């Protein structure tokens, strides 16, 4: 049998804190963007270090240069 449900909201809590929500969303987007940039820079630096003869120090320098370049571009 069908049950009778109230027509109003089930919870009457506090209002949403929209400025905090927007700050959290902005931080999530920024961390996602920089996470992707770091992964791509790491892959390029590894390829440079392994396949182009750069070695460990060349890969580290390439990684640092790519992160710095991304910082100035964005």
Protein backbone atom coordinates (compact mmCIF):
# COMPACT_ATOMS: atom_id res chain seq x y z
CA UNK A 1 0.00 0.00 0.00
CA UNK A 2 1.05 3.55 -0.60
CA UNK A 3 2.19 5.49 2.40
CA UNK A 4 1.37 9.12 3.01
CA UNK A 5 4.48 11.32 2.81
CA UNK A 6 4.57 14.87 4.09
CA UNK A 7 4.50 17.45 1.34
CA UNK A 8 7.12 19.77 2.89
CA UNK A 9 10.87 19.45 3.23
CA UNK A 10 12.12 16.65 5.43
CA UNK A 11 14.75 18.80 7.08
CA UNK A 12 14.65 22.44 8.07
CA UNK A 13 18.32 23.07 8.84
CA UNK A 14 20.37 26.19 8.59
CA UNK A 15 20.75 28.11 5.34
CA UNK A 16 23.56 27.18 2.98
CA UNK A 17 26.86 28.99 3.43
CA UNK A 18 27.30 29.94 -0.22
CA UNK A 19 30.58 31.89 0.13
CA UNK A 20 32.18 28.88 1.83
CA UNK A 21 30.77 26.58 -0.84
CA UNK A 22 32.25 28.75 -3.59
CA UNK A 23 35.67 28.85 -1.85
CA UNK A 24 35.66 25.07 -1.51
CA UNK A 25 34.73 24.64 -5.17
CA UNK A 26 37.43 27.09 -6.24
CA UNK A 27 40.05 25.22 -4.21
CA UNK A 28 38.91 21.90 -5.70
CA UNK A 29 39.27 23.26 -9.23
CA UNK A 30 42.69 24.75 -8.46
CA UNK A 31 43.98 21.52 -6.90
CA UNK A 32 42.63 19.48 -9.81
CA UNK A 33 44.29 21.81 -12.33
CA UNK A 34 47.67 21.73 -10.57
CA UNK A 35 47.43 17.98 -10.04
CA UNK A 36 47.00 17.44 -13.77
CA UNK A 37 49.83 19.87 -14.54
CA UNK A 38 52.13 18.05 -12.10
CA UNK A 39 51.31 14.64 -13.62
CA UNK A 40 51.92 15.87 -17.17
CA UNK A 41 55.17 17.58 -16.13
CA UNK A 42 56.32 14.41 -14.39
CA UNK A 43 55.61 12.27 -17.45
CA UNK A 44 57.46 14.68 -19.75
CA UNK A 45 60.40 14.89 -17.33
CA UNK A 46 60.56 11.10 -17.05
CA UNK A 47 60.54 10.76 -20.82
CA UNK A 48 63.33 13.34 -21.07
CA UNK A 49 65.37 11.64 -18.37
CA UNK A 50 64.94 8.09 -19.67
CA UNK A 51 64.82 8.43 -23.43
CA UNK A 52 66.65 11.66 -24.25
CA UNK A 53 69.70 10.87 -22.15
CA UNK A 54 69.01 13.51 -19.53
CA UNK A 55 69.42 11.17 -16.58
CA UNK A 56 68.10 11.76 -13.10
CA UNK A 57 69.31 15.34 -12.74
CA UNK A 58 68.12 16.28 -16.21
CA UNK A 59 64.68 14.89 -15.42
CA UNK A 60 64.50 16.80 -12.15
CA UNK A 61 65.56 20.02 -13.84
CA UNK A 62 63.03 19.43 -16.64
CA UNK A 63 60.26 18.82 -14.07
CA UNK A 64 61.12 22.00 -12.16
CA UNK A 65 61.32 24.02 -15.37
CA UNK A 66 57.93 22.73 -16.56
CA UNK A 67 56.24 23.53 -13.22
CA UNK A 68 57.73 27.04 -13.22
CA UNK A 69 56.68 27.54 -16.84
CA UNK A 70 53.13 26.42 -16.04
CA UNK A 71 53.02 28.83 -13.09
CA UNK A 72 53.92 31.79 -15.27
CA UNK A 73 51.60 30.76 -18.10
CA UNK A 74 48.59 30.30 -15.83
